[in-house]
PDB file of N, CA and C in Angstrom:
ATOM      1  N   MET A   1     115.459 120.524 105.603  1.00  0.00           N
ATOM      2  CA  MET A   1     116.598 121.024 106.305  1.00  0.00           C
ATOM      3  C   MET A   1     116.190 121.187 107.768  1.00  0.00           C
ATOM      4  N   GLU A   2     116.946 120.572 108.643  1.00  0.00           N
ATOM      5  CA  GLU A   2     116.606 120.613 110.060  1.00  0.00           C
ATOM      6  C   GLU A   2     117.262 121.781 110.789  1.00  0.00           C
ATOM      7  N   ASP A   3     118.557 122.013 110.503  1.00  0.00           N
ATOM      8  CA  ASP A   3     119.279 123.036 111.251  1.00  0.00           C
ATOM      9  C   ASP A   3     120.377 123.588 110.358  1.00  0.00           C
ATOM     10  N   GLU A   4     120.569 124.890 110.387  1.00  0.00           N
ATOM     11  CA  GLU A   4     121.683 125.475 109.652  1.00  0.00           C
ATOM     12  C   GLU A   4     122.333 126.547 110.507  1.00  0.00           C
ATOM     13  N   ARG A   5     123.660 126.642 110.363  1.00  0.00           N
ATOM     14  CA  ARG A   5     124.438 127.620 111.129  1.00  0.00           C
ATOM     15  C   ARG A   5     125.547 128.155 110.232  1.00  0.00           C
ATOM     16  N   THR A   6     125.872 129.399 110.435  1.00  0.00           N
ATOM     17  CA  THR A   6     127.000 129.982 109.717  1.00  0.00           C
ATOM     18  C   THR A   6     128.134 130.213 110.701  1.00  0.00           C
ATOM     19  N   LYS A   7     129.340 129.955 110.235  1.00  0.00           N
ATOM     20  CA  LYS A   7     130.528 130.148 111.074  1.00  0.00           C
ATOM     21  C   LYS A   7     131.471 131.084 110.338  1.00  0.00           C
ATOM     22  N   ARG A   8     132.022 131.992 111.086  1.00  0.00           N
ATOM     23  CA  ARG A   8     132.948 132.956 110.506  1.00  0.00           C
ATOM     24  C   ARG A   8     134.272 132.297 110.163  1.00  0.00           C
ATOM     25  N   GLY A   9     134.888 132.824 109.142  1.00  0.00           N
ATOM     26  CA  GLY A   9     136.201 132.327 108.756  1.00  0.00           C
ATOM     27  C   GLY A   9     137.284 132.915 109.654  1.00  0.00           C
ATOM     28  N   ALA A  10     138.537 132.492 109.446  1.00  0.00           N
ATOM     29  CA  ALA A  10     139.659 132.963 110.260  1.00  0.00           C
ATOM     30  C   ALA A  10     140.006 134.410 109.938  1.00  0.00           C
ATOM     31  N   ASP A  11     139.788 134.807 108.693  1.00  0.00           N
ATOM     32  CA  ASP A  11     140.131 136.160 108.272  1.00  0.00           C
ATOM     33  C   ASP A  11     138.948 137.087 108.550  1.00  0.00           C
ATOM     34  N   ILE A  12     139.190 138.158 109.278  1.00  0.00           N
ATOM     35  CA  ILE A  12     138.113 139.078 109.649  1.00  0.00           C
ATOM     36  C   ILE A  12     137.622 139.858 108.440  1.00  0.00           C
ATOM     37  N   ALA A  13     138.497 140.202 107.522  1.00  0.00           N
ATOM     38  CA  ALA A  13     138.130 141.019 106.372  1.00  0.00           C
ATOM     39  C   ALA A  13     137.413 140.212 105.283  1.00  0.00           C
ATOM     40  N   SER A  14     137.275 138.931 105.443  1.00  0.00           N
ATOM     41  CA  SER A  14     136.670 138.083 104.417  1.00  0.00           C
ATOM     42  C   SER A  14     135.142 138.137 104.512  1.00  0.00           C
ATOM     43  N   ASP A  15     134.498 138.139 103.352  1.00  0.00           N
ATOM     44  CA  ASP A  15     133.037 138.096 103.309  1.00  0.00           C
ATOM     45  C   ASP A  15     132.510 136.662 103.225  1.00  0.00           C
ATOM     46  N   HIS A  16     133.392 135.683 103.152  1.00  0.00           N
ATOM     47  CA  HIS A  16     132.984 134.285 103.016  1.00  0.00           C
ATOM     48  C   HIS A  16     132.776 133.672 104.385  1.00  0.00           C
ATOM     49  N   HIS A  17     131.662 132.961 104.529  1.00  0.00           N
ATOM     50  CA  HIS A  17     131.338 132.284 105.772  1.00  0.00           C
ATOM     51  C   HIS A  17     131.087 130.812 105.479  1.00  0.00           C
ATOM     52  N   LEU A  18     131.425 129.978 106.443  1.00  0.00           N
ATOM     53  CA  LEU A  18     131.193 128.552 106.325  1.00  0.00           C
ATOM     54  C   LEU A  18     129.752 128.264 106.738  1.00  0.00           C
ATOM     55  N   LEU A  19     129.044 127.517 105.919  1.00  0.00           N
ATOM     56  CA  LEU A  19     127.661 127.155 106.214  1.00  0.00           C
ATOM     57  C   LEU A  19     127.611 125.679 106.573  1.00  0.00           C
ATOM     58  N   VAL A  20     127.082 125.381 107.763  1.00  0.00           N
ATOM     59  CA  VAL A  20     126.925 124.006 108.228  1.00  0.00           C
ATOM     60  C   VAL A  20     125.426 123.758 108.358  1.00  0.00           C
ATOM     61  N   ALA A  21     124.956 122.680 107.732  1.00  0.00           N
ATOM     62  CA  ALA A  21     123.514 122.395 107.763  1.00  0.00           C
ATOM     63  C   ALA A  21     123.273 120.921 108.023  1.00  0.00           C
ATOM     64  N   LYS A  22     122.206 120.639 108.755  1.00  0.00           N
ATOM     65  CA  LYS A  22     121.748 119.265 108.941  1.00  0.00           C
ATOM     66  C   LYS A  22     120.580 119.051 107.991  1.00  0.00           C
ATOM     67  N   MET A  23     120.697 118.012 107.186  1.00  0.00           N
ATOM     68  CA  MET A  23     119.659 117.717 106.198  1.00  0.00           C
ATOM     69  C   MET A  23     118.969 116.414 106.563  1.00  0.00           C
ATOM     70  N   LYS A  24     117.686 116.367 106.328  1.00  0.00           N
ATOM     71  CA  LYS A  24     116.925 115.136 106.499  1.00  0.00           C
ATOM     72  C   LYS A  24     116.425 114.732 105.118  1.00  0.00           C
ATOM     73  N   LEU A  25     116.759 113.529 104.723  1.00  0.00           N
ATOM     74  CA  LEU A  25     116.426 113.060 103.387  1.00  0.00           C
ATOM     75  C   LEU A  25     115.144 112.242 103.437  1.00  0.00           C
ATOM     76  N   LYS A  26     114.191 112.604 102.607  1.00  0.00           N
ATOM     77  CA  LYS A  26     112.951 111.841 102.493  1.00  0.00           C
ATOM     78  C   LYS A  26     112.926 111.215 101.104  1.00  0.00           C
ATOM     79  N   LEU A  27     112.766 109.922 101.075  1.00  0.00           N
ATOM     80  CA  LEU A  27     112.704 109.224  99.801  1.00  0.00           C
ATOM     81  C   LEU A  27     111.256 109.070  99.376  1.00  0.00           C
ATOM     82  N   LYS A  28     111.010 109.367  98.127  1.00  0.00           N
ATOM     83  CA  LYS A  28     109.664 109.244  97.602  1.00  0.00           C
ATOM     84  C   LYS A  28     109.478 107.833  97.073  1.00  0.00           C
ATOM     85  N   MET A  29     108.370 107.216  97.421  1.00  0.00           N
ATOM     86  CA  MET A  29     108.096 105.868  96.941  1.00  0.00           C
ATOM     87  C   MET A  29     107.599 105.959  95.511  1.00  0.00           C
ATOM     88  N   HIS A  30     108.207 105.188  94.643  1.00  0.00           N
ATOM     89  CA  HIS A  30     107.845 105.202  93.231  1.00  0.00           C
ATOM     90  C   HIS A  30     106.812 104.111  92.984  1.00  0.00           C
ATOM     91  N   TRP A  31     105.597 104.522  92.678  1.00  0.00           N
ATOM     92  CA  TRP A  31     104.531 103.555  92.414  1.00  0.00           C
ATOM     93  C   TRP A  31     104.601 103.132  90.962  1.00  0.00           C
ATOM     94  N   THR A  32     104.607 101.847  90.740  1.00  0.00           N
ATOM     95  CA  THR A  32     104.606 101.351  89.372  1.00  0.00           C
ATOM     96  C   THR A  32     103.172 101.097  88.953  1.00  0.00           C
ATOM     97  N   THR A  33     102.884 101.410  87.705  1.00  0.00           N
ATOM     98  CA  THR A  33     101.537 101.173  87.198  1.00  0.00           C
ATOM     99  C   THR A  33     101.521  99.869  86.436  1.00  0.00           C
ATOM    100  N   GLY A  34     100.359  99.316  86.302  1.00  0.00           N
ATOM    101  CA  GLY A  34     100.239  98.088  85.527  1.00  0.00           C
ATOM    102  C   GLY A  34      99.654  96.967  86.335  1.00  0.00           C
ATOM    103  N   GLN A  35     100.347  95.854  86.376  1.00  0.00           N
ATOM    104  CA  GLN A  35      99.805  94.644  86.969  1.00  0.00           C
ATOM    105  C   GLN A  35      99.679  94.733  88.490  1.00  0.00           C
ATOM    106  N   THR A  36     100.465  95.569  89.142  1.00  0.00           N
ATOM    107  CA  THR A  36     100.450  95.595  90.601  1.00  0.00           C
ATOM    108  C   THR A  36      99.233  96.319  91.153  1.00  0.00           C
ATOM    109  N   THR A  37      98.692  97.276  90.419  1.00  0.00           N
ATOM    110  CA  THR A  37      97.555  98.019  90.920  1.00  0.00           C
ATOM    111  C   THR A  37      96.260  97.351  90.496  1.00  0.00           C
ATOM    112  N   SER A  38      95.267  97.452  91.349  1.00  0.00           N
ATOM    113  CA  SER A  38      93.971  96.896  90.981  1.00  0.00           C
ATOM    114  C   SER A  38      93.286  97.869  90.031  1.00  0.00           C
ATOM    115  N   GLN A  39      92.602  97.311  89.074  1.00  0.00           N
ATOM    116  CA  GLN A  39      91.948  98.132  88.074  1.00  0.00           C
ATOM    117  C   GLN A  39      90.494  98.325  88.472  1.00  0.00           C
ATOM    118  N   LYS A  40      90.097  99.569  88.616  1.00  0.00           N
ATOM    119  CA  LYS A  40      88.719  99.883  88.956  1.00  0.00           C
ATOM    120  C   LYS A  40      88.053 100.481  87.727  1.00  0.00           C
ATOM    121  N   PHE A  41      86.896  99.956  87.412  1.00  0.00           N
ATOM    122  CA  PHE A  41      86.176 100.421  86.240  1.00  0.00           C
ATOM    123  C   PHE A  41      84.962 101.230  86.669  1.00  0.00           C
ATOM    124  N   ASN A  42      84.559 102.132  85.801  1.00  0.00           N
ATOM    125  CA  ASN A  42      83.436 103.010  86.086  1.00  0.00           C
ATOM    126  C   ASN A  42      82.136 102.245  85.830  1.00  0.00           C
ATOM    127  N   THR A  43      81.589 101.640  86.875  1.00  0.00           N
ATOM    128  CA  THR A  43      80.397 100.810  86.727  1.00  0.00           C
ATOM    129  C   THR A  43      79.118 101.632  86.656  1.00  0.00           C
ATOM    130  N   THR A  44      79.197 102.938  86.841  1.00  0.00           N
ATOM    131  CA  THR A  44      77.993 103.761  86.712  1.00  0.00           C
ATOM    132  C   THR A  44      77.520 103.820  85.270  1.00  0.00           C
ATOM    133  N   PHE A  45      78.405 103.489  84.323  1.00  0.00           N
ATOM    134  CA  PHE A  45      77.990 103.415  82.927  1.00  0.00           C
ATOM    135  C   PHE A  45      76.966 102.309  82.717  1.00  0.00           C
ATOM    136  N   LEU A  46      76.976 101.298  83.576  1.00  0.00           N
ATOM    137  CA  LEU A  46      76.043 100.186  83.417  1.00  0.00           C
ATOM    138  C   LEU A  46      74.612 100.579  83.781  1.00  0.00           C
ATOM    139  N   LEU A  47      74.421 101.742  84.394  1.00  0.00           N
ATOM    140  CA  LEU A  47      73.068 102.220  84.661  1.00  0.00           C
ATOM    141  C   LEU A  47      72.373 102.644  83.373  1.00  0.00           C
ATOM    142  N   ASP A  48      73.150 103.043  82.386  1.00  0.00           N
ATOM    143  CA  ASP A  48      72.611 103.398  81.084  1.00  0.00           C
ATOM    144  C   ASP A  48      72.291 102.105  80.329  1.00  0.00           C
ATOM    145  N   THR A  49      71.077 101.991  79.783  1.00  0.00           N
ATOM    146  CA  THR A  49      70.651 100.735  79.147  1.00  0.00           C
ATOM    147  C   THR A  49      71.448 100.430  77.885  1.00  0.00           C
ATOM    148  N   ASP A  50      71.829 101.467  77.128  1.00  0.00           N
ATOM    149  CA  ASP A  50      72.607 101.224  75.908  1.00  0.00           C
ATOM    150  C   ASP A  50      73.972 100.629  76.236  1.00  0.00           C
ATOM    151  N   LYS A  51      74.636 101.208  77.231  1.00  0.00           N
ATOM    152  CA  LYS A  51      75.950 100.693  77.634  1.00  0.00           C
ATOM    153  C   LYS A  51      75.821  99.288  78.218  1.00  0.00           C
ATOM    154  N   LEU A  52      74.751  99.055  78.989  1.00  0.00           N
ATOM    155  CA  LEU A  52      74.540  97.742  79.589  1.00  0.00           C
ATOM    156  C   LEU A  52      74.322  96.680  78.517  1.00  0.00           C
ATOM    157  N   ASN A  53      73.511  96.997  77.506  1.00  0.00           N
ATOM    158  CA  ASN A  53      73.277  96.041  76.419  1.00  0.00           C
ATOM    159  C   ASN A  53      74.552  95.784  75.627  1.00  0.00           C
ATOM    160  N   LYS A  54      75.325  96.840  75.374  1.00  0.00           N
ATOM    161  CA  LYS A  54      76.588  96.675  74.653  1.00  0.00           C
ATOM    162  C   LYS A  54      77.547  95.802  75.458  1.00  0.00           C
ATOM    163  N   PHE A  55      77.594  96.033  76.776  1.00  0.00           N
ATOM    164  CA  PHE A  55      78.456  95.240  77.652  1.00  0.00           C
ATOM    165  C   PHE A  55      78.050  93.770  77.622  1.00  0.00           C
ATOM    166  N   LYS A  56      76.742  93.499  77.688  1.00  0.00           N
ATOM    167  CA  LYS A  56      76.260  92.119  77.653  1.00  0.00           C
ATOM    168  C   LYS A  56      76.604  91.432  76.338  1.00  0.00           C
ATOM    169  N   ILE A  57      76.434  92.142  75.223  1.00  0.00           N
ATOM    170  CA  ILE A  57      76.710  91.555  73.910  1.00  0.00           C
ATOM    171  C   ILE A  57      78.188  91.235  73.758  1.00  0.00           C
ATOM    172  N   VAL A  58      79.040  92.190  74.114  1.00  0.00           N
ATOM    173  CA  VAL A  58      80.486  91.976  73.972  1.00  0.00           C
ATOM    174  C   VAL A  58      80.953  90.854  74.889  1.00  0.00           C
ATOM    175  N   LEU A  59      80.437  90.821  76.116  1.00  0.00           N
ATOM    176  CA  LEU A  59      80.834  89.780  77.063  1.00  0.00           C
ATOM    177  C   LEU A  59      80.365  88.403  76.600  1.00  0.00           C
ATOM    178  N   SER A  60      79.150  88.319  76.074  1.00  0.00           N
ATOM    179  CA  SER A  60      78.671  87.019  75.585  1.00  0.00           C
ATOM    180  C   SER A  60      79.479  86.556  74.380  1.00  0.00           C
ATOM    181  N   ASN A  61      79.891  87.493  73.518  1.00  0.00           N
ATOM    182  CA  ASN A  61      80.737  87.116  72.374  1.00  0.00           C
ATOM    183  C   ASN A  61      82.090  86.590  72.838  1.00  0.00           C
ATOM    184  N   LYS A  62      82.660  87.245  73.847  1.00  0.00           N
ATOM    185  CA  LYS A  62      83.963  86.799  74.370  1.00  0.00           C
ATOM    186  C   LYS A  62      83.845  85.412  74.990  1.00  0.00           C
ATOM    187  N   PHE A  63      82.771  85.196  75.771  1.00  0.00           N
ATOM    188  CA  PHE A  63      82.601  83.888  76.403  1.00  0.00           C
ATOM    189  C   PHE A  63      82.301  82.803  75.379  1.00  0.00           C
ATOM    190  N   GLN A  64      81.599  83.156  74.299  1.00  0.00           N
ATOM    191  CA  GLN A  64      81.336  82.174  73.248  1.00  0.00           C
ATOM    192  C   GLN A  64      82.645  81.763  72.581  1.00  0.00           C
ATOM    193  N   ALA A  65      83.510  82.728  72.298  1.00  0.00           N
ATOM    194  CA  ALA A  65      84.811  82.413  71.709  1.00  0.00           C
ATOM    195  C   ALA A  65      85.651  81.585  72.677  1.00  0.00           C
ATOM    196  N   PHE A  66      85.585  81.910  73.950  1.00  0.00           N
ATOM    197  CA  PHE A  66      86.334  81.163  74.965  1.00  0.00           C
ATOM    198  C   PHE A  66      85.792  79.742  75.091  1.00  0.00           C
ATOM    199  N   HIS A  67      84.468  79.585  75.008  1.00  0.00           N
ATOM    200  CA  HIS A  67      83.844  78.261  75.095  1.00  0.00           C
ATOM    201  C   HIS A  67      84.245  77.398  73.895  1.00  0.00           C
ATOM    202  N   ASP A  68      84.294  78.008  72.712  1.00  0.00           N
ATOM    203  CA  ASP A  68      84.726  77.268  71.520  1.00  0.00           C
ATOM    204  C   ASP A  68      86.172  76.818  71.656  1.00  0.00           C
ATOM    205  N   LEU A  69      87.007  77.648  72.254  1.00  0.00           N
ATOM    206  CA  LEU A  69      88.407  77.298  72.464  1.00  0.00           C
ATOM    207  C   LEU A  69      88.532  76.143  73.451  1.00  0.00           C
ATOM    208  N   LEU A  70      87.697  76.128  74.483  1.00  0.00           N
ATOM    209  CA  LEU A  70      87.733  75.046  75.470  1.00  0.00           C
ATOM    210  C   LEU A  70      87.295  73.719  74.863  1.00  0.00           C
ATOM    211  N   ASN A  71      86.344  73.753  73.959  1.00  0.00           N
ATOM    212  CA  ASN A  71      85.859  72.514  73.347  1.00  0.00           C
ATOM    213  C   ASN A  71      86.910  71.878  72.449  1.00  0.00           C
ATOM    214  N   ARG A  72      87.772  72.680  71.852  1.00  0.00           N
ATOM    215  CA  ARG A  72      88.798  72.152  70.955  1.00  0.00           C
ATOM    216  C   ARG A  72      89.950  71.506  71.700  1.00  0.00           C
ATOM    217  N   GLU A  73      90.369  72.080  72.802  1.00  0.00           N
ATOM    218  CA  GLU A  73      91.561  71.598  73.494  1.00  0.00           C
ATOM    219  C   GLU A  73      91.224  71.208  74.926  1.00  0.00           C
ATOM    220  N   GLY A  74      91.982  70.247  75.442  1.00  0.00           N
ATOM    221  CA  GLY A  74      91.872  69.931  76.864  1.00  0.00           C
ATOM    222  C   GLY A  74      92.747  70.894  77.637  1.00  0.00           C
ATOM    223  N   THR A  75      92.139  71.723  78.467  1.00  0.00           N
ATOM    224  CA  THR A  75      92.904  72.750  79.178  1.00  0.00           C
ATOM    225  C   THR A  75      92.806  72.533  80.679  1.00  0.00           C
ATOM    226  N   LEU A  76      93.687  73.195  81.385  1.00  0.00           N
ATOM    227  CA  LEU A  76      93.721  73.115  82.843  1.00  0.00           C
ATOM    228  C   LEU A  76      92.806  74.173  83.458  1.00  0.00           C
ATOM    229  N   MET A  77      92.517  73.989  84.720  1.00  0.00           N
ATOM    230  CA  MET A  77      91.642  74.918  85.435  1.00  0.00           C
ATOM    231  C   MET A  77      92.280  76.302  85.548  1.00  0.00           C
ATOM    232  N   GLU A  78      93.607  76.361  85.712  1.00  0.00           N
ATOM    233  CA  GLU A  78      94.292  77.655  85.841  1.00  0.00           C
ATOM    234  C   GLU A  78      94.148  78.473  84.564  1.00  0.00           C
ATOM    235  N   SER A  79      94.311  77.823  83.424  1.00  0.00           N
ATOM    236  CA  SER A  79      94.179  78.555  82.167  1.00  0.00           C
ATOM    237  C   SER A  79      92.728  78.973  81.940  1.00  0.00           C
ATOM    238  N   ASN A  80      91.775  78.158  82.429  1.00  0.00           N
ATOM    239  CA  ASN A  80      90.365  78.545  82.324  1.00  0.00           C
ATOM    240  C   ASN A  80      90.093  79.811  83.128  1.00  0.00           C
ATOM    241  N   CYS A  81      90.624  79.870  84.344  1.00  0.00           N
ATOM    242  CA  CYS A  81      90.426  81.057  85.190  1.00  0.00           C
ATOM    243  C   CYS A  81      91.076  82.284  84.561  1.00  0.00           C
ATOM    244  N   LYS A  82      92.268  82.107  84.013  1.00  0.00           N
ATOM    245  CA  LYS A  82      92.948  83.233  83.359  1.00  0.00           C
ATOM    246  C   LYS A  82      92.162  83.707  82.148  1.00  0.00           C
ATOM    247  N   GLY A  83      91.597  82.760  81.399  1.00  0.00           N
ATOM    248  CA  GLY A  83      90.807  83.121  80.224  1.00  0.00           C
ATOM    249  C   GLY A  83      89.545  83.878  80.595  1.00  0.00           C
ATOM    250  N   ILE A  84      88.879  83.440  81.651  1.00  0.00           N
ATOM    251  CA  ILE A  84      87.663  84.125  82.105  1.00  0.00           C
ATOM    252  C   ILE A  84      87.997  85.528  82.595  1.00  0.00           C
ATOM    253  N   LYS A  85      89.083  85.640  83.368  1.00  0.00           N
ATOM    254  CA  LYS A  85      89.494  86.948  83.879  1.00  0.00           C
ATOM    255  C   LYS A  85      89.864  87.880  82.730  1.00  0.00           C
ATOM    256  N   GLU A  86      90.576  87.356  81.743  1.00  0.00           N
ATOM    257  CA  GLU A  86      90.975  88.160  80.588  1.00  0.00           C
ATOM    258  C   GLU A  86      89.756  88.608  79.788  1.00  0.00           C
ATOM    259  N   ALA A  87      88.767  87.725  79.644  1.00  0.00           N
ATOM    260  CA  ALA A  87      87.553  88.081  78.906  1.00  0.00           C
ATOM    261  C   ALA A  87      86.807  89.216  79.604  1.00  0.00           C
ATOM    262  N   ILE A  88      86.690  89.123  80.915  1.00  0.00           N
ATOM    263  CA  ILE A  88      85.948  90.152  81.654  1.00  0.00           C
ATOM    264  C   ILE A  88      86.697  91.482  81.638  1.00  0.00           C
ATOM    265  N   THR A  89      88.015  91.450  81.886  1.00  0.00           N
ATOM    266  CA  THR A  89      88.767  92.715  81.925  1.00  0.00           C
ATOM    267  C   THR A  89      88.855  93.363  80.550  1.00  0.00           C
ATOM    268  N   SER A  90      89.007  92.562  79.499  1.00  0.00           N
ATOM    269  CA  SER A  90      89.070  93.165  78.162  1.00  0.00           C
ATOM    270  C   SER A  90      87.724  93.765  77.772  1.00  0.00           C
ATOM    271  N   THR A  91      86.634  93.125  78.194  1.00  0.00           N
ATOM    272  CA  THR A  91      85.307  93.684  77.932  1.00  0.00           C
ATOM    273  C   THR A  91      85.125  94.996  78.682  1.00  0.00           C
ATOM    274  N   CYS A  92      85.579  95.045  79.923  1.00  0.00           N
ATOM    275  CA  CYS A  92      85.486  96.288  80.698  1.00  0.00           C
ATOM    276  C   CYS A  92      86.342  97.385  80.076  1.00  0.00           C
ATOM    277  N   HIS A  93      87.514  97.025  79.535  1.00  0.00           N
ATOM    278  CA  HIS A  93      88.352  98.021  78.861  1.00  0.00           C
ATOM    279  C   HIS A  93      87.648  98.565  77.630  1.00  0.00           C
ATOM    280  N   GLU A  94      86.956  97.692  76.886  1.00  0.00           N
ATOM    281  CA  GLU A  94      86.298  98.135  75.657  1.00  0.00           C
ATOM    282  C   GLU A  94      85.073  98.998  75.944  1.00  0.00           C
ATOM    283  N   VAL A  95      84.217  98.533  76.851  1.00  0.00           N
ATOM    284  CA  VAL A  95      82.925  99.189  77.051  1.00  0.00           C
ATOM    285  C   VAL A  95      82.995 100.254  78.141  1.00  0.00           C
ATOM    286  N   LEU A  96      83.587  99.911  79.278  1.00  0.00           N
ATOM    287  CA  LEU A  96      83.658 100.841  80.407  1.00  0.00           C
ATOM    288  C   LEU A  96      85.024 101.504  80.440  1.00  0.00           C
ATOM    289  N   ASP A  97      85.090 102.662  81.046  1.00  0.00           N
ATOM    290  CA  ASP A  97      86.368 103.338  81.233  1.00  0.00           C
ATOM    291  C   ASP A  97      86.867 103.064  82.639  1.00  0.00           C
ATOM    292  N   HIS A  98      88.119 103.453  82.879  1.00  0.00           N
ATOM    293  CA  HIS A  98      88.654 103.333  84.233  1.00  0.00           C
ATOM    294  C   HIS A  98      87.997 104.376  85.123  1.00  0.00           C
ATOM    295  N   LYS A  99      87.871 104.021  86.378  1.00  0.00           N
ATOM    296  CA  LYS A  99      87.275 104.941  87.343  1.00  0.00           C
ATOM    297  C   LYS A  99      88.287 106.032  87.649  1.00  0.00           C
ATOM    298  N   LYS A 100      87.859 107.254  87.525  1.00  0.00           N
ATOM    299  CA  LYS A 100      88.730 108.376  87.803  1.00  0.00           C
ATOM    300  C   LYS A 100      88.483 108.820  89.242  1.00  0.00           C
ATOM    301  N   HIS A 101      89.542 109.190  89.928  1.00  0.00           N
ATOM    302  CA  HIS A 101      89.420 109.571  91.332  1.00  0.00           C
ATOM    303  C   HIS A 101      88.687 110.893  91.501  1.00  0.00           C
ATOM    304  N   HIS A 102      88.771 111.739  90.497  1.00  0.00           N
ATOM    305  CA  HIS A 102      88.160 113.050  90.610  1.00  0.00           C
ATOM    306  C   HIS A 102      86.811 113.100  89.896  1.00  0.00           C
ATOM    307  N   HIS A 103      86.166 111.963  89.749  1.00  0.00           N
ATOM    308  CA  HIS A 103      84.869 111.906  89.076  1.00  0.00           C
ATOM    309  C   HIS A 103      83.798 112.542  89.957  1.00  0.00           C
ATOM    310  N   ASN A 104      83.141 113.543  89.418  1.00  0.00           N
ATOM    311  CA  ASN A 104      82.097 114.226  90.166  1.00  0.00           C
ATOM    312  C   ASN A 104      80.757 113.556  89.901  1.00  0.00           C
ATOM    313  N   GLU A 105      79.938 113.441  90.922  1.00  0.00           N
ATOM    314  CA  GLU A 105      78.663 112.755  90.783  1.00  0.00           C
ATOM    315  C   GLU A 105      77.651 113.556  89.978  1.00  0.00           C
ATOM    316  N   TRP A 106      77.819 114.846  89.865  1.00  0.00           N
ATOM    317  CA  TRP A 106      76.851 115.662  89.153  1.00  0.00           C
ATOM    318  C   TRP A 106      77.005 115.547  87.646  1.00  0.00           C
ATOM    319  N   ILE A 107      78.065 114.924  87.166  1.00  0.00           N
ATOM    320  CA  ILE A 107      78.223 114.688  85.732  1.00  0.00           C
ATOM    321  C   ILE A 107      77.510 113.389  85.397  1.00  0.00           C
ATOM    322  N   THR A 108      76.527 113.472  84.514  1.00  0.00           N
ATOM    323  CA  THR A 108      75.746 112.290  84.172  1.00  0.00           C
ATOM    324  C   THR A 108      76.449 111.489  83.085  1.00  0.00           C
ATOM    325  N   VAL A 109      75.908 110.323  82.811  1.00  0.00           N
ATOM    326  CA  VAL A 109      76.464 109.458  81.778  1.00  0.00           C
ATOM    327  C   VAL A 109      76.326 110.111  80.411  1.00  0.00           C
ATOM    328  N   ASP A 110      75.199 110.797  80.173  1.00  0.00           N
ATOM    329  CA  ASP A 110      74.999 111.480  78.896  1.00  0.00           C
ATOM    330  C   ASP A 110      76.044 112.572  78.680  1.00  0.00           C
ATOM    331  N   THR A 111      76.353 113.309  79.733  1.00  0.00           N
ATOM    332  CA  THR A 111      77.367 114.358  79.632  1.00  0.00           C
ATOM    333  C   THR A 111      78.733 113.758  79.332  1.00  0.00           C
ATOM    334  N   LEU A 112      79.061 112.652  79.993  1.00  0.00           N
ATOM    335  CA  LEU A 112      80.339 111.996  79.726  1.00  0.00           C
ATOM    336  C   LEU A 112      80.402 111.464  78.303  1.00  0.00           C
ATOM    337  N   ASP A 113      79.271 110.968  77.778  1.00  0.00           N
ATOM    338  CA  ASP A 113      79.226 110.512  76.386  1.00  0.00           C
ATOM    339  C   ASP A 113      79.460 111.668  75.423  1.00  0.00           C
ATOM    340  N   LYS A 114      78.843 112.820  75.717  1.00  0.00           N
ATOM    341  CA  LYS A 114      79.031 113.988  74.859  1.00  0.00           C
ATOM    342  C   LYS A 114      80.470 114.488  74.912  1.00  0.00           C
ATOM    343  N   ILE A 115      81.085 114.420  76.086  1.00  0.00           N
ATOM    344  CA  ILE A 115      82.491 114.818  76.219  1.00  0.00           C
ATOM    345  C   ILE A 115      83.375 113.907  75.379  1.00  0.00           C
ATOM    346  N   GLN A 116      83.115 112.598  75.451  1.00  0.00           N
ATOM    347  CA  GLN A 116      83.909 111.644  74.675  1.00  0.00           C
ATOM    348  C   GLN A 116      83.684 111.844  73.177  1.00  0.00           C
ATOM    349  N   GLU A 117      82.438 112.128  72.792  1.00  0.00           N
ATOM    350  CA  GLU A 117      82.125 112.374  71.384  1.00  0.00           C
ATOM    351  C   GLU A 117      82.863 113.614  70.880  1.00  0.00           C
ATOM    352  N   ARG A 118      82.908 114.653  71.708  1.00  0.00           N
ATOM    353  CA  ARG A 118      83.615 115.884  71.342  1.00  0.00           C
ATOM    354  C   ARG A 118      85.114 115.636  71.201  1.00  0.00           C
ATOM    355  N   ARG A 119      85.683 114.836  72.119  1.00  0.00           N
ATOM    356  CA  ARG A 119      87.106 114.504  72.025  1.00  0.00           C
ATOM    357  C   ARG A 119      87.406 113.732  70.749  1.00  0.00           C
ATOM    358  N   ASN A 120      86.517 112.807  70.388  1.00  0.00           N
ATOM    359  CA  ASN A 120      86.718 112.029  69.163  1.00  0.00           C
ATOM    360  C   ASN A 120      86.661 112.922  67.933  1.00  0.00           C
ATOM    361  N   LYS A 121      85.716 113.879  67.916  1.00  0.00           N
ATOM    362  CA  LYS A 121      85.622 114.800  66.783  1.00  0.00           C
ATOM    363  C   LYS A 121      86.856 115.688  66.692  1.00  0.00           C
ATOM    364  N   LYS A 122      87.347 116.158  67.840  1.00  0.00           N
ATOM    365  CA  LYS A 122      88.564 116.980  67.848  1.00  0.00           C
ATOM    366  C   LYS A 122      89.761 116.192  67.342  1.00  0.00           C
ATOM    367  N   ALA A 123      89.846 114.926  67.758  1.00  0.00           N
ATOM    368  CA  ALA A 123      90.957 114.087  67.307  1.00  0.00           C
ATOM    369  C   ALA A 123      90.869 113.846  65.810  1.00  0.00           C
ATOM    370  N   ALA A 124      89.649 113.671  65.288  1.00  0.00           N
ATOM    371  CA  ALA A 124      89.476 113.462  63.850  1.00  0.00           C
ATOM    372  C   ALA A 124      89.864 114.710  63.070  1.00  0.00           C
ATOM    373  N   ILE A 125      89.514 115.880  63.597  1.00  0.00           N
ATOM    374  CA  ILE A 125      89.872 117.130  62.925  1.00  0.00           C
ATOM    375  C   ILE A 125      91.379 117.344  62.962  1.00  0.00           C
ATOM    376  N   ASN A 126      92.012 117.045  64.081  1.00  0.00           N
ATOM    377  CA  ASN A 126      93.452 117.261  64.223  1.00  0.00           C
ATOM    378  C   ASN A 126      94.271 116.301  63.374  1.00  0.00           C
ATOM    379  N   THR A 127      93.755 115.100  63.112  1.00  0.00           N
ATOM    380  CA  THR A 127      94.517 114.145  62.301  1.00  0.00           C
ATOM    381  C   THR A 127      94.409 114.452  60.818  1.00  0.00           C
ATOM    382  N   ASN A 128      93.361 115.191  60.412  1.00  0.00           N
ATOM    383  CA  ASN A 128      93.208 115.524  58.982  1.00  0.00           C
ATOM    384  C   ASN A 128      94.093 116.630  58.562  1.00  0.00           C
TER     385      ASN A 128
END
């Protein structure tokens, strides 16, 4: 609200006043999630050797399946690029989590693993 003023009515005995106000409208931009935003993954998990080995195994399995698919069919370069991108992003979704903006550096990978383990146990208890 930029400016507001009250004006008296014609009748002196009336308690009603006319209110005149200038309003400024601000529109909020609606951000859509999904394909338009870039996906950032928490690569600090790769410092842990167990997570790194799991990531390598899953990625090699995905590429082996993709390689077998390429040998069967004649495909275009665009579909090859899409397949490689899909293999890498799906592996990151499985092994790594999304990077959180409020991630504190003092929380170690072991602590995050224990937090996830606790959440899984709570979910298992709640579903029973």
